[in-house]
Amino acid sequence: MMLKILHALPALLLFAGATQAQTQCGSREMVLETLANRYGESRQAIGLAANSTVMELFASETGSWTITVTMPDGIVCLLASGESFEALREPLPAKGDPA
């Protein structure tokens, strides 16, 4: 699942750039404080995108989750959020398996 998110990130970032006026952005300190204090979310995963942005996935024990991107200038934008987060560690399918 996480691998699929990381592979889709470049397209999501292009979409986020196109709708930046609707995207919620702020200082890293403010965004992380809000995610921790209001939603009980902590960082669960991190990845670097080709355009020098950093993607982070935050989740809580209650299942809420948020995906953020940090721009090269340090501004953090909320990309997506939802409920029912589950951490998975699935093995890769065998080579040649269409799964």
PDB file of N, CA and C in Angstrom:
ATOM      1  N   MET A   1       0.824  -1.193   0.000  1.00  0.00           N
ATOM      2  CA  MET A   1       0.000   0.000   0.000  1.00  0.00           C
ATOM      3  C   MET A   1       0.869   1.257   0.000  1.00  0.00           C
ATOM      4  N   MET A   2       1.865   1.303   0.932  1.00  0.00           N
ATOM      5  CA  MET A   2       2.733   2.475   1.009  1.00  0.00           C
ATOM      6  C   MET A   2       3.495   2.644  -0.301  1.00  0.00           C
ATOM      7  N   LEU A   3       3.929   1.524  -0.895  1.00  0.00           N
ATOM      8  CA  LEU A   3       4.653   1.593  -2.157  1.00  0.00           C
ATOM      9  C   LEU A   3       3.783   2.208  -3.238  1.00  0.00           C
ATOM     10  N   LYS A   4       2.502   1.869  -3.259  1.00  0.00           N
ATOM     11  CA  LYS A   4       1.583   2.454  -4.239  1.00  0.00           C
ATOM     12  C   LYS A   4       1.448   3.956  -4.023  1.00  0.00           C
ATOM     13  N   ILE A   5       1.393   4.383  -2.762  1.00  0.00           N
ATOM     14  CA  ILE A   5       1.308   5.812  -2.456  1.00  0.00           C
ATOM     15  C   ILE A   5       2.557   6.526  -2.937  1.00  0.00           C
ATOM     16  N   LEU A   6       3.727   5.941  -2.668  1.00  0.00           N
ATOM     17  CA  LEU A   6       4.980   6.579  -3.079  1.00  0.00           C
ATOM     18  C   LEU A   6       5.094   6.662  -4.592  1.00  0.00           C
ATOM     19  N   HIS A   7       4.605   5.636  -5.305  1.00  0.00           N
ATOM     20  CA  HIS A   7       4.643   5.670  -6.763  1.00  0.00           C
ATOM     21  C   HIS A   7       3.659   6.701  -7.320  1.00  0.00           C
ATOM     22  N   ALA A   8       2.567   6.929  -6.637  1.00  0.00           N
ATOM     23  CA  ALA A   8       1.567   7.895  -7.101  1.00  0.00           C
ATOM     24  C   ALA A   8       1.913   9.325  -6.696  1.00  0.00           C
ATOM     25  N   LEU A   9       2.896   9.492  -5.818  1.00  0.00           N
ATOM     26  CA  LEU A   9       3.199  10.816  -5.285  1.00  0.00           C
ATOM     27  C   LEU A   9       3.491  11.861  -6.350  1.00  0.00           C
ATOM     28  N   PRO A  10       4.321  11.584  -7.375  1.00  0.00           N
ATOM     29  CA  PRO A  10       4.568  12.642  -8.366  1.00  0.00           C
ATOM     30  C   PRO A  10       3.292  13.171  -9.014  1.00  0.00           C
ATOM     31  N   ALA A  11       2.365  12.293  -9.339  1.00  0.00           N
ATOM     32  CA  ALA A  11       1.102  12.744  -9.932  1.00  0.00           C
ATOM     33  C   ALA A  11       0.287  13.536  -8.918  1.00  0.00           C
ATOM     34  N   LEU A  12       0.296  13.093  -7.673  1.00  0.00           N
ATOM     35  CA  LEU A  12      -0.433  13.814  -6.633  1.00  0.00           C
ATOM     36  C   LEU A  12       0.159  15.200  -6.408  1.00  0.00           C
ATOM     37  N   LEU A  13       1.481  15.297  -6.476  1.00  0.00           N
ATOM     38  CA  LEU A  13       2.122  16.594  -6.287  1.00  0.00           C
ATOM     39  C   LEU A  13       1.787  17.547  -7.424  1.00  0.00           C
ATOM     40  N   LEU A  14       1.700  17.023  -8.645  1.00  0.00           N
ATOM     41  CA  LEU A  14       1.289  17.872  -9.760  1.00  0.00           C
ATOM     42  C   LEU A  14      -0.128  18.372  -9.540  1.00  0.00           C
ATOM     43  N   PHE A  15      -0.997  17.477  -9.071  1.00  0.00           N
ATOM     44  CA  PHE A  15      -2.371  17.860  -8.779  1.00  0.00           C
ATOM     45  C   PHE A  15      -2.404  18.894  -7.663  1.00  0.00           C
ATOM     46  N   ALA A  16      -1.603  18.673  -6.634  1.00  0.00           N
ATOM     47  CA  ALA A  16      -1.567  19.610  -5.507  1.00  0.00           C
ATOM     48  C   ALA A  16      -1.090  20.980  -5.967  1.00  0.00           C
ATOM     49  N   GLY A  17      -0.113  21.008  -6.868  1.00  0.00           N
ATOM     50  CA  GLY A  17       0.368  22.287  -7.376  1.00  0.00           C
ATOM     51  C   GLY A  17      -0.699  23.011  -8.166  1.00  0.00           C
ATOM     52  N   ALA A  18      -1.508  22.267  -8.890  1.00  0.00           N
ATOM     53  CA  ALA A  18      -2.562  22.871  -9.702  1.00  0.00           C
ATOM     54  C   ALA A  18      -3.680  23.434  -8.836  1.00  0.00           C
ATOM     55  N   THR A  19      -3.845  22.874  -7.637  1.00  0.00           N
ATOM     56  CA  THR A  19      -4.929  23.327  -6.761  1.00  0.00           C
ATOM     57  C   THR A  19      -4.381  23.982  -5.504  1.00  0.00           C
ATOM     58  N   GLN A  20      -3.217  24.587  -5.601  1.00  0.00           N
ATOM     59  CA  GLN A  20      -2.553  25.120  -4.422  1.00  0.00           C
ATOM     60  C   GLN A  20      -3.412  26.123  -3.673  1.00  0.00           C
ATOM     61  N   ALA A  21      -4.260  26.860  -4.376  1.00  0.00           N
ATOM     62  CA  ALA A  21      -5.111  27.842  -3.701  1.00  0.00           C
ATOM     63  C   ALA A  21      -6.033  27.157  -2.698  1.00  0.00           C
ATOM     64  N   GLN A  22      -6.395  25.890  -2.935  1.00  0.00           N
ATOM     65  CA  GLN A  22      -7.288  25.157  -2.052  1.00  0.00           C
ATOM     66  C   GLN A  22      -6.524  24.324  -1.022  1.00  0.00           C
ATOM     67  N   THR A  23      -5.214  24.191  -1.183  1.00  0.00           N
ATOM     68  CA  THR A  23      -4.410  23.373  -0.298  1.00  0.00           C
ATOM     69  C   THR A  23      -4.119  24.120   0.987  1.00  0.00           C
ATOM     70  N   GLN A  24      -4.147  23.409   2.113  1.00  0.00           N
ATOM     71  CA  GLN A  24      -3.839  24.013   3.400  1.00  0.00           C
ATOM     72  C   GLN A  24      -2.356  23.856   3.669  1.00  0.00           C
ATOM     73  N   CYS A  25      -1.647  24.977   3.810  1.00  0.00           N
ATOM     74  CA  CYS A  25      -0.207  24.971   4.024  1.00  0.00           C
ATOM     75  C   CYS A  25       0.136  25.833   5.226  1.00  0.00           C
ATOM     76  N   GLY A  26       1.304  25.584   5.791  1.00  0.00           N
ATOM     77  CA  GLY A  26       1.756  26.387   6.906  1.00  0.00           C
ATOM     78  C   GLY A  26       3.179  26.039   7.286  1.00  0.00           C
ATOM     79  N   SER A  27       3.642  26.617   8.365  1.00  0.00           N
ATOM     80  CA  SER A  27       4.988  26.325   8.850  1.00  0.00           C
ATOM     81  C   SER A  27       5.016  24.887   9.364  1.00  0.00           C
ATOM     82  N   ARG A  28       6.177  24.268   9.286  1.00  0.00           N
ATOM     83  CA  ARG A  28       6.316  22.887   9.735  1.00  0.00           C
ATOM     84  C   ARG A  28       5.934  22.768  11.212  1.00  0.00           C
ATOM     85  N   GLU A  29       6.405  23.691  12.012  1.00  0.00           N
ATOM     86  CA  GLU A  29       6.119  23.673  13.442  1.00  0.00           C
ATOM     87  C   GLU A  29       4.610  23.681  13.711  1.00  0.00           C
ATOM     88  N   MET A  30       3.887  24.563  13.022  1.00  0.00           N
ATOM     89  CA  MET A  30       2.447  24.686  13.238  1.00  0.00           C
ATOM     90  C   MET A  30       1.709  23.424  12.761  1.00  0.00           C
ATOM     91  N   VAL A  31       2.082  22.913  11.591  1.00  0.00           N
ATOM     92  CA  VAL A  31       1.391  21.735  11.046  1.00  0.00           C
ATOM     93  C   VAL A  31       1.632  20.517  11.929  1.00  0.00           C
ATOM     94  N   LEU A  32       2.878  20.263  12.322  1.00  0.00           N
ATOM     95  CA  LEU A  32       3.173  19.084  13.147  1.00  0.00           C
ATOM     96  C   LEU A  32       2.526  19.194  14.529  1.00  0.00           C
ATOM     97  N   GLU A  33       2.505  20.389  15.072  1.00  0.00           N
ATOM     98  CA  GLU A  33       1.850  20.599  16.368  1.00  0.00           C
ATOM     99  C   GLU A  33       0.350  20.310  16.271  1.00  0.00           C
ATOM    100  N   THR A  34      -0.276  20.767  15.195  1.00  0.00           N
ATOM    101  CA  THR A  34      -1.709  20.521  14.995  1.00  0.00           C
ATOM    102  C   THR A  34      -1.989  19.033  14.822  1.00  0.00           C
ATOM    103  N   LEU A  35      -1.186  18.352  14.010  1.00  0.00           N
ATOM    104  CA  LEU A  35      -1.394  16.922  13.801  1.00  0.00           C
ATOM    105  C   LEU A  35      -1.237  16.145  15.105  1.00  0.00           C
ATOM    106  N   ALA A  36      -0.267  16.513  15.915  1.00  0.00           N
ATOM    107  CA  ALA A  36      -0.031  15.812  17.182  1.00  0.00           C
ATOM    108  C   ALA A  36      -1.089  16.145  18.226  1.00  0.00           C
ATOM    109  N   ASN A  37      -1.342  17.424  18.431  1.00  0.00           N
ATOM    110  CA  ASN A  37      -2.230  17.832  19.523  1.00  0.00           C
ATOM    111  C   ASN A  37      -3.712  17.651  19.210  1.00  0.00           C
ATOM    112  N   ARG A  38      -4.120  17.957  18.000  1.00  0.00           N
ATOM    113  CA  ARG A  38      -5.545  17.871  17.661  1.00  0.00           C
ATOM    114  C   ARG A  38      -5.959  16.468  17.231  1.00  0.00           C
ATOM    115  N   TYR A  39      -5.061  15.770  16.508  1.00  0.00           N
ATOM    116  CA  TYR A  39      -5.437  14.468  15.943  1.00  0.00           C
ATOM    117  C   TYR A  39      -4.668  13.293  16.532  1.00  0.00           C
ATOM    118  N   GLY A  40      -3.652  13.546  17.355  1.00  0.00           N
ATOM    119  CA  GLY A  40      -2.869  12.464  17.941  1.00  0.00           C
ATOM    120  C   GLY A  40      -2.041  11.709  16.923  1.00  0.00           C
ATOM    121  N   GLU A  41      -1.671  12.375  15.829  1.00  0.00           N
ATOM    122  CA  GLU A  41      -0.939  11.708  14.755  1.00  0.00           C
ATOM    123  C   GLU A  41       0.565  11.924  14.875  1.00  0.00           C
ATOM    124  N   SER A  42       1.316  10.866  14.586  1.00  0.00           N
ATOM    125  CA  SER A  42       2.771  10.925  14.545  1.00  0.00           C
ATOM    126  C   SER A  42       3.245  10.372  13.206  1.00  0.00           C
ATOM    127  N   ARG A  43       4.468  10.701  12.839  1.00  0.00           N
ATOM    128  CA  ARG A  43       4.983  10.278  11.531  1.00  0.00           C
ATOM    129  C   ARG A  43       5.167   8.767  11.490  1.00  0.00           C
ATOM    130  N   GLN A  44       4.651   8.155  10.434  1.00  0.00           N
ATOM    131  CA  GLN A  44       4.730   6.715  10.232  1.00  0.00           C
ATOM    132  C   GLN A  44       5.590   6.338   9.027  1.00  0.00           C
ATOM    133  N   ALA A  45       5.735   7.265   8.077  1.00  0.00           N
ATOM    134  CA  ALA A  45       6.518   6.980   6.867  1.00  0.00           C
ATOM    135  C   ALA A  45       6.998   8.294   6.266  1.00  0.00           C
ATOM    136  N   ILE A  46       8.068   8.207   5.482  1.00  0.00           N
ATOM    137  CA  ILE A  46       8.640   9.391   4.842  1.00  0.00           C
ATOM    138  C   ILE A  46       9.229   8.972   3.499  1.00  0.00           C
ATOM    139  N   GLY A  47       9.189   9.862   2.527  1.00  0.00           N
ATOM    140  CA  GLY A  47       9.767   9.580   1.216  1.00  0.00           C
ATOM    141  C   GLY A  47      10.173  10.868   0.525  1.00  0.00           C
ATOM    142  N   LEU A  48      11.160  10.779  -0.350  1.00  0.00           N
ATOM    143  CA  LEU A  48      11.647  11.929  -1.093  1.00  0.00           C
ATOM    144  C   LEU A  48      11.150  11.827  -2.529  1.00  0.00           C
ATOM    145  N   ALA A  49      10.498  12.876  -3.002  1.00  0.00           N
ATOM    146  CA  ALA A  49      10.001  12.916  -4.379  1.00  0.00           C
ATOM    147  C   ALA A  49      11.068  13.522  -5.288  1.00  0.00           C
ATOM    148  N   ALA A  50      10.922  13.278  -6.581  1.00  0.00           N
ATOM    149  CA  ALA A  50      11.914  13.716  -7.556  1.00  0.00           C
ATOM    150  C   ALA A  50      12.072  15.230  -7.605  1.00  0.00           C
ATOM    151  N   ASN A  51      11.045  15.968  -7.253  1.00  0.00           N
ATOM    152  CA  ASN A  51      11.099  17.428  -7.349  1.00  0.00           C
ATOM    153  C   ASN A  51      11.513  18.085  -6.031  1.00  0.00           C
ATOM    154  N   SER A  52      12.298  17.357  -5.227  1.00  0.00           N
ATOM    155  CA  SER A  52      12.859  17.851  -3.962  1.00  0.00           C
ATOM    156  C   SER A  52      11.807  18.147  -2.899  1.00  0.00           C
ATOM    157  N   THR A  53      10.650  17.533  -2.989  1.00  0.00           N
ATOM    158  CA  THR A  53       9.669  17.644  -1.917  1.00  0.00           C
ATOM    159  C   THR A  53       9.748  16.380  -1.062  1.00  0.00           C
ATOM    160  N   VAL A  54       9.366  16.520   0.187  1.00  0.00           N
ATOM    161  CA  VAL A  54       9.380  15.394   1.111  1.00  0.00           C
ATOM    162  C   VAL A  54       7.938  15.047   1.460  1.00  0.00           C
ATOM    163  N   MET A  55       7.574  13.779   1.248  1.00  0.00           N
ATOM    164  CA  MET A  55       6.247  13.294   1.585  1.00  0.00           C
ATOM    165  C   MET A  55       6.342  12.602   2.937  1.00  0.00           C
ATOM    166  N   GLU A  56       5.372  12.896   3.817  1.00  0.00           N
ATOM    167  CA  GLU A  56       5.321  12.227   5.111  1.00  0.00           C
ATOM    168  C   GLU A  56       3.894  11.751   5.363  1.00  0.00           C
ATOM    169  N   LEU A  57       3.792  10.590   5.942  1.00  0.00           N
ATOM    170  CA  LEU A  57       2.503  10.027   6.322  1.00  0.00           C
ATOM    171  C   LEU A  57       2.435  10.018   7.840  1.00  0.00           C
ATOM    172  N   PHE A  58       1.417  10.668   8.385  1.00  0.00           N
ATOM    173  CA  PHE A  58       1.178  10.720   9.823  1.00  0.00           C
ATOM    174  C   PHE A  58      -0.083   9.909  10.109  1.00  0.00           C
ATOM    175  N   ALA A  59      -0.101   9.199  11.239  1.00  0.00           N
ATOM    176  CA  ALA A  59      -1.293   8.435  11.608  1.00  0.00           C
ATOM    177  C   ALA A  59      -1.404   8.374  13.124  1.00  0.00           C
ATOM    178  N   SER A  60      -2.627   8.119  13.579  1.00  0.00           N
ATOM    179  CA  SER A  60      -2.886   8.007  15.018  1.00  0.00           C
ATOM    180  C   SER A  60      -3.300   6.588  15.361  1.00  0.00           C
ATOM    181  N   GLU A  61      -3.328   6.285  16.646  1.00  0.00           N
ATOM    182  CA  GLU A  61      -3.780   4.980  17.107  1.00  0.00           C
ATOM    183  C   GLU A  61      -5.265   4.776  16.854  1.00  0.00           C
ATOM    184  N   THR A  62      -6.011   5.872  16.672  1.00  0.00           N
ATOM    185  CA  THR A  62      -7.444   5.754  16.409  1.00  0.00           C
ATOM    186  C   THR A  62      -7.736   5.547  14.925  1.00  0.00           C
ATOM    187  N   GLY A  63      -6.702   5.628  14.073  1.00  0.00           N
ATOM    188  CA  GLY A  63      -6.883   5.354  12.650  1.00  0.00           C
ATOM    189  C   GLY A  63      -6.916   6.569  11.751  1.00  0.00           C
ATOM    190  N   SER A  64      -6.900   7.784  12.315  1.00  0.00           N
ATOM    191  CA  SER A  64      -6.861   8.955  11.431  1.00  0.00           C
ATOM    192  C   SER A  64      -5.478   9.036  10.796  1.00  0.00           C
ATOM    193  N   TRP A  65      -5.395   9.569   9.586  1.00  0.00           N
ATOM    194  CA  TRP A  65      -4.117   9.704   8.889  1.00  0.00           C
ATOM    195  C   TRP A  65      -4.094  10.967   8.044  1.00  0.00           C
ATOM    196  N   THR A  66      -2.885  11.467   7.792  1.00  0.00           N
ATOM    197  CA  THR A  66      -2.672  12.660   6.986  1.00  0.00           C
ATOM    198  C   THR A  66      -1.400  12.483   6.181  1.00  0.00           C
ATOM    199  N   ILE A  67      -1.444  12.850   4.910  1.00  0.00           N
ATOM    200  CA  ILE A  67      -0.251  12.878   4.070  1.00  0.00           C
ATOM    201  C   ILE A  67       0.109  14.335   3.846  1.00  0.00           C
ATOM    202  N   THR A  68       1.370  14.677   4.134  1.00  0.00           N
ATOM    203  CA  THR A  68       1.850  16.031   3.923  1.00  0.00           C
ATOM    204  C   THR A  68       2.989  16.023   2.917  1.00  0.00           C
ATOM    205  N   VAL A  69       3.221  17.176   2.298  1.00  0.00           N
ATOM    206  CA  VAL A  69       4.419  17.374   1.485  1.00  0.00           C
ATOM    207  C   VAL A  69       5.100  18.636   1.991  1.00  0.00           C
ATOM    208  N   THR A  70       6.402  18.550   2.119  1.00  0.00           N
ATOM    209  CA  THR A  70       7.201  19.708   2.517  1.00  0.00           C
ATOM    210  C   THR A  70       7.928  20.199   1.279  1.00  0.00           C
ATOM    211  N   MET A  71       7.702  21.447   0.953  1.00  0.00           N
ATOM    212  CA  MET A  71       8.314  22.069  -0.217  1.00  0.00           C
ATOM    213  C   MET A  71       9.762  22.437   0.084  1.00  0.00           C
ATOM    214  N   PRO A  72      10.567  22.659  -0.961  1.00  0.00           N
ATOM    215  CA  PRO A  72      11.971  23.038  -0.735  1.00  0.00           C
ATOM    216  C   PRO A  72      12.138  24.278   0.145  1.00  0.00           C
ATOM    217  N   ASP A  73      11.145  25.168   0.157  1.00  0.00           N
ATOM    218  CA  ASP A  73      11.241  26.374   0.992  1.00  0.00           C
ATOM    219  C   ASP A  73      10.829  26.132   2.444  1.00  0.00           C
ATOM    220  N   GLY A  74      10.469  24.872   2.796  1.00  0.00           N
ATOM    221  CA  GLY A  74      10.132  24.522   4.169  1.00  0.00           C
ATOM    222  C   GLY A  74       8.655  24.581   4.503  1.00  0.00           C
ATOM    223  N   ILE A  75       7.831  25.078   3.594  1.00  0.00           N
ATOM    224  CA  ILE A  75       6.387  25.127   3.833  1.00  0.00           C
ATOM    225  C   ILE A  75       5.816  23.714   3.718  1.00  0.00           C
ATOM    226  N   VAL A  76       4.941  23.359   4.652  1.00  0.00           N
ATOM    227  CA  VAL A  76       4.302  22.037   4.668  1.00  0.00           C
ATOM    228  C   VAL A  76       2.855  22.195   4.232  1.00  0.00           C
ATOM    229  N   CYS A  77       2.438  21.344   3.290  1.00  0.00           N
ATOM    230  CA  CYS A  77       1.056  21.373   2.809  1.00  0.00           C
ATOM    231  C   CYS A  77       0.387  20.026   3.067  1.00  0.00           C
ATOM    232  N   LEU A  78      -0.882  20.074   3.474  1.00  0.00           N
ATOM    233  CA  LEU A  78      -1.666  18.857   3.655  1.00  0.00           C
ATOM    234  C   LEU A  78      -2.132  18.390   2.291  1.00  0.00           C
ATOM    235  N   LEU A  79      -1.839  17.146   1.957  1.00  0.00           N
ATOM    236  CA  LEU A  79      -2.181  16.610   0.651  1.00  0.00           C
ATOM    237  C   LEU A  79      -3.448  15.773   0.695  1.00  0.00           C
ATOM    238  N   ALA A  80      -3.598  14.971   1.750  1.00  0.00           N
ATOM    239  CA  ALA A  80      -4.766  14.103   1.881  1.00  0.00           C
ATOM    240  C   ALA A  80      -4.899  13.695   3.340  1.00  0.00           C
ATOM    241  N   SER A  81      -6.110  13.313   3.723  1.00  0.00           N
ATOM    242  CA  SER A  81      -6.333  12.813   5.077  1.00  0.00           C
ATOM    243  C   SER A  81      -7.522  11.876   5.061  1.00  0.00           C
ATOM    244  N   GLY A  82      -7.624  11.067   6.102  1.00  0.00           N
ATOM    245  CA  GLY A  82      -8.736  10.133   6.152  1.00  0.00           C
ATOM    246  C   GLY A  82      -8.762   9.360   7.451  1.00  0.00           C
ATOM    247  N   GLU A  83      -9.466   8.255   7.429  1.00  0.00           N
ATOM    248  CA  GLU A  83      -9.671   7.403   8.604  1.00  0.00           C
ATOM    249  C   GLU A  83      -9.308   5.962   8.271  1.00  0.00           C
ATOM    250  N   SER A  84      -9.295   5.135   9.284  1.00  0.00           N
ATOM    251  CA  SER A  84      -9.095   3.688   9.177  1.00  0.00           C
ATOM    252  C   SER A  84      -7.707   3.308   8.662  1.00  0.00           C
ATOM    253  N   PHE A  85      -6.675   4.025   9.113  1.00  0.00           N
ATOM    254  CA  PHE A  85      -5.302   3.694   8.733  1.00  0.00           C
ATOM    255  C   PHE A  85      -4.884   2.381   9.356  1.00  0.00           C
ATOM    256  N   GLU A  86      -4.216   1.546   8.576  1.00  0.00           N
ATOM    257  CA  GLU A  86      -3.635   0.298   9.058  1.00  0.00           C
ATOM    258  C   GLU A  86      -2.246   0.171   8.476  1.00  0.00           C
ATOM    259  N   ALA A  87      -1.257  -0.056   9.312  1.00  0.00           N
ATOM    260  CA  ALA A  87       0.107  -0.283   8.836  1.00  0.00           C
ATOM    261  C   ALA A  87       0.212  -1.727   8.362  1.00  0.00           C
ATOM    262  N   LEU A  88       0.705  -1.916   7.154  1.00  0.00           N
ATOM    263  CA  LEU A  88       0.842  -3.247   6.580  1.00  0.00           C
ATOM    264  C   LEU A  88       2.297  -3.515   6.211  1.00  0.00           C
ATOM    265  N   ARG A  89       2.685  -4.747   6.275  1.00  0.00           N
ATOM    266  CA  ARG A  89       3.991  -5.180   5.813  1.00  0.00           C
ATOM    267  C   ARG A  89       3.756  -6.398   4.933  1.00  0.00           C
ATOM    268  N   GLU A  90       3.351  -6.133   3.701  1.00  0.00           N
ATOM    269  CA  GLU A  90       3.049  -7.213   2.784  1.00  0.00           C
ATOM    270  C   GLU A  90       4.289  -7.554   1.959  1.00  0.00           C
ATOM    271  N   PRO A  91       4.512  -8.847   1.726  1.00  0.00           N
ATOM    272  CA  PRO A  91       5.655  -9.232   0.888  1.00  0.00           C
ATOM    273  C   PRO A  91       5.390  -8.851  -0.565  1.00  0.00           C
ATOM    274  N   LEU A  92       6.459  -8.648  -1.316  1.00  0.00           N
ATOM    275  CA  LEU A  92       6.308  -8.381  -2.744  1.00  0.00           C
ATOM    276  C   LEU A  92       5.786  -9.633  -3.425  1.00  0.00           C
ATOM    277  N   PRO A  93       4.947  -9.475  -4.467  1.00  0.00           N
ATOM    278  CA  PRO A  93       4.478 -10.665  -5.199  1.00  0.00           C
ATOM    279  C   PRO A  93       5.660 -11.289  -5.956  1.00  0.00           C
ATOM    280  N   ALA A  94       5.544 -12.572  -6.223  1.00  0.00           N
ATOM    281  CA  ALA A  94       6.581 -13.269  -6.985  1.00  0.00           C
ATOM    282  C   ALA A  94       6.727 -12.643  -8.361  1.00  0.00           C
ATOM    283  N   LYS A  95       7.937 -12.638  -8.905  1.00  0.00           N
ATOM    284  CA  LYS A  95       8.166 -12.084 -10.232  1.00  0.00           C
ATOM    285  C   LYS A  95       7.284 -12.806 -11.245  1.00  0.00           C
ATOM    286  N   GLY A  96       6.650 -12.014 -12.094  1.00  0.00           N
ATOM    287  CA  GLY A  96       5.755 -12.576 -13.087  1.00  0.00           C
ATOM    288  C   GLY A  96       4.333 -12.696 -12.611  1.00  0.00           C
ATOM    289  N   ASP A  97       4.101 -12.508 -11.322  1.00  0.00           N
ATOM    290  CA  ASP A  97       2.750 -12.558 -10.754  1.00  0.00           C
ATOM    291  C   ASP A  97       2.077 -11.218 -11.021  1.00  0.00           C
ATOM    292  N   PRO A  98       0.919 -11.185 -11.703  1.00  0.00           N
ATOM    293  CA  PRO A  98       0.285  -9.919 -12.060  1.00  0.00           C
ATOM    294  C   PRO A  98      -0.316  -9.166 -10.859  1.00  0.00           C
ATOM    295  N   ALA A  99      -0.279  -9.757  -9.686  1.00  0.00           N
ATOM    296  CA  ALA A  99      -0.857  -9.102  -8.503  1.00  0.00           C
ATOM    297  C   ALA A  99      -0.133  -7.817  -8.253  1.00  0.00           C
TER     298      ALA A  99
END
